[in-house]
Each structure stands twice: as structure tokens, then as C-alpha cells.
Amino acid sequence: MSSEAPLKDLPKVDSVLKEQLEGFSPDKLKKTDTAEKTALPTKEDVEQEKQHNELIHDITEFRSDKLKRTSTSEKIVLPTPADIDAEKGQQALCQGIEGFDPSALKKTETQEKNVLPTKEVIEQEKKA
């Protein structure tokens, strides 16, 4: 057997590509700096992922047939007529305050009716 038989079976390479491969020299490559862009997870990230995985596992393994049967009773307490009247009164009071028009008030002048004592009266009281 000759070694040429397997070479016949190999695929043919384009002549342009063959020239480029033969003319390749590692010296022609540009110098580049490599930087690792993937950051390793922190301890907190690992703990958070563990908790998340445990939660997902607990949810998937949950068996509802182990739950106890309970009965629910809904107690709806409706307001009494007195409560409704009190609320209506509060709403009416609030609307009255909000809709108050101060321009409808009458002008008044304040008169002081409590007369202060004079100096003579004060001196007389001090002596007495």
C-alpha cells in the first residue's frame, strides 16, 4: 500500500487559500492584551442562588395532600343606619367647609370693651 491513496481522498483546497496558509507567519500578528470579562459570583450571589434553588425545590416537591382541611366563615358586617347617618353628616360638613365663600361675610369693626386701668388707679391699688 502506498501513502498516496489517502491523499487522493482528501478534499481539494482553493489555491488562494493555500497560498495564504503557506504564507502565514506568527510574526505578522498584532500584539493584544487579553482581559477576562467574566466576573466570578460573590459569596452573597452564591447564597442567594442557593436559597432560590431551595425555594424552587420546595415548591416543586410540595404535596398538597398533606394539608389539613379548614373551614372558612366570612363575616361581613354591614354598617348600621346610625353609622350611615354619621358618615353623611361628616360628608356634608366637609362639603360645607370646602364650598365656603369668604366674600359673603359682612365687614365688622372690633371694639374693645375691656378698659385698662390708668396709672392713677394702679398707684391707688398699690398703696391700698
Protein backbone atom coordinates (compact mmCIF):
# COMPACT_ATOMS: atom_id res chain seq x y z
CA MET A 1 0.00 0.00 0.00
CA SER A 2 1.20 3.44 -0.81
CA SER A 3 0.72 6.60 1.19
CA GLU A 4 -0.69 8.39 -1.89
CA ALA A 5 -4.02 6.58 -1.76
CA PRO A 6 -5.34 8.52 1.25
CA LEU A 7 -4.16 11.85 -0.26
CA LYS A 8 -6.48 11.30 -3.22
CA ASP A 9 -9.42 11.08 -0.87
CA LEU A 10 -8.64 14.40 0.86
CA PRO A 11 -10.68 17.44 -0.20
CA LYS A 12 -9.08 19.94 -2.57
CA VAL A 13 -8.11 23.35 -1.13
CA ASP A 14 -8.58 26.53 -3.15
CA SER A 15 -5.25 27.82 -4.47
CA VAL A 16 -5.75 31.33 -2.99
CA LEU A 17 -6.44 29.89 0.44
CA LYS A 18 -3.48 27.52 0.07
CA GLU A 19 -1.16 30.44 -0.67
CA GLN A 20 -2.44 32.37 2.34
CA LEU A 21 -1.94 29.38 4.63
CA GLU A 22 1.57 28.74 3.35
CA GLY A 23 2.49 32.44 3.69
CA PHE A 24 1.23 32.68 7.29
CA SER A 25 3.76 33.83 9.84
CA PRO A 26 3.04 34.33 13.55
CA ASP A 27 5.37 37.35 13.48
CA LYS A 28 2.79 39.27 11.39
CA LEU A 29 0.15 39.10 14.16
CA LYS A 30 -0.62 42.22 16.20
CA LYS A 31 0.07 42.26 19.93
CA THR A 32 -3.13 42.32 22.00
CA ASP A 33 -3.82 42.36 25.70
CA THR A 34 -6.28 39.81 26.98
CA ALA A 35 -8.74 40.82 29.65
CA GLU A 36 -11.05 38.44 31.44
CA LYS A 37 -14.54 39.84 31.14
CA THR A 38 -16.45 37.24 33.11
CA ALA A 39 -16.56 38.04 36.81
CA LEU A 40 -16.93 35.27 39.32
CA PRO A 41 -20.02 35.43 41.52
CA THR A 42 -19.66 36.80 45.03
CA LYS A 43 -20.42 34.86 48.18
CA GLU A 44 -23.74 36.71 48.50
CA ASP A 45 -24.67 35.77 44.92
CA VAL A 46 -23.94 32.10 45.62
CA GLU A 47 -26.00 32.18 48.83
CA GLN A 48 -28.88 33.91 47.08
CA GLU A 49 -28.84 31.34 44.29
CA LYS A 50 -28.81 28.50 46.84
CA GLN A 51 -31.82 30.00 48.63
CA HIS A 52 -33.61 30.43 45.32
CA ASN A 53 -32.88 26.84 44.30
CA GLU A 54 -34.08 25.55 47.68
CA LEU A 55 -37.28 27.55 47.32
CA ILE A 56 -37.89 26.21 43.81
CA HIS A 57 -37.18 22.68 45.04
CA ASP A 58 -39.59 23.09 47.95
CA ILE A 59 -42.28 24.39 45.61
CA THR A 60 -41.87 21.55 43.13
CA GLU A 61 -41.81 18.91 45.88
CA PHE A 62 -44.81 20.39 47.74
CA ARG A 63 -47.58 17.89 48.41
CA SER A 64 -50.99 19.43 48.84
CA ASP A 65 -52.49 16.16 50.14
CA LYS A 66 -50.67 16.70 53.46
CA LEU A 67 -52.55 19.95 54.15
CA LYS A 68 -55.27 19.94 56.79
CA ARG A 69 -58.82 20.74 55.78
CA THR A 70 -60.16 24.02 57.19
CA SER A 71 -63.49 25.67 57.02
CA THR A 72 -63.74 29.36 56.35
CA SER A 73 -66.53 31.57 57.52
CA GLU A 74 -66.86 35.02 56.08
CA LYS A 75 -68.28 37.61 58.40
CA ILE A 76 -69.42 40.67 56.55
CA VAL A 77 -70.53 43.40 58.90
CA LEU A 78 -72.75 45.93 57.22
CA PRO A 79 -72.90 49.44 58.64
CA THR A 80 -75.91 50.31 60.78
CA PRO A 81 -78.24 53.18 59.85
CA ALA A 82 -76.64 55.25 62.62
CA ASP A 83 -73.20 54.72 61.05
CA ILE A 84 -74.54 55.76 57.64
CA ASP A 85 -76.15 58.91 59.10
CA ALA A 86 -72.93 59.84 60.93
CA GLU A 87 -70.91 59.44 57.72
CA LYS A 88 -73.42 61.52 55.74
CA GLY A 89 -73.17 64.24 58.39
CA GLN A 90 -69.37 64.26 58.14
CA GLN A 91 -69.52 64.42 54.35
CA ALA A 92 -71.99 67.31 54.47
CA LEU A 93 -69.75 69.16 56.95
CA CYS A 94 -66.69 68.66 54.75
CA GLN A 95 -68.57 69.86 51.67
CA GLY A 96 -69.76 72.93 53.57
CA ILE A 97 -66.19 73.78 54.59
CA GLU A 98 -64.81 73.20 51.10
CA GLY A 99 -67.54 75.28 49.46
CA PHE A 100 -67.36 78.17 51.95
CA ASP A 101 -67.30 81.61 50.30
CA PRO A 102 -65.49 84.17 52.49
CA SER A 103 -66.61 87.05 50.27
CA ALA A 104 -70.18 86.60 51.60
CA LEU A 105 -69.08 87.67 55.11
CA LYS A 106 -70.04 91.13 56.42
CA LYS A 107 -67.36 93.64 57.36
CA THR A 108 -67.09 94.28 61.10
CA GLU A 109 -65.01 96.52 63.31
CA THR A 110 -63.64 95.22 66.55
CA GLN A 111 -64.40 97.30 69.63
CA GLU A 112 -62.51 96.68 72.83
CA LYS A 113 -64.91 96.72 75.77
CA ASN A 114 -62.42 95.88 78.50
CA VAL A 115 -60.96 99.21 79.53
CA LEU A 116 -57.48 99.09 81.06
CA PRO A 117 -56.90 100.98 84.33
CA THR A 118 -54.99 104.24 84.24
CA LYS A 119 -51.71 104.90 86.10
CA GLU A 120 -53.53 106.67 88.94
CA VAL A 121 -55.80 103.70 89.53
CA ILE A 122 -52.82 101.34 89.57
CA GLU A 123 -50.98 103.57 92.07
CA GLN A 124 -54.03 103.66 94.35
CA GLU A 125 -54.29 99.86 94.32
CA LYS A 126 -50.61 99.51 95.14
CA LYS A 127 -50.99 101.79 98.21
CA ALA A 128 -54.04 100.02 99.45
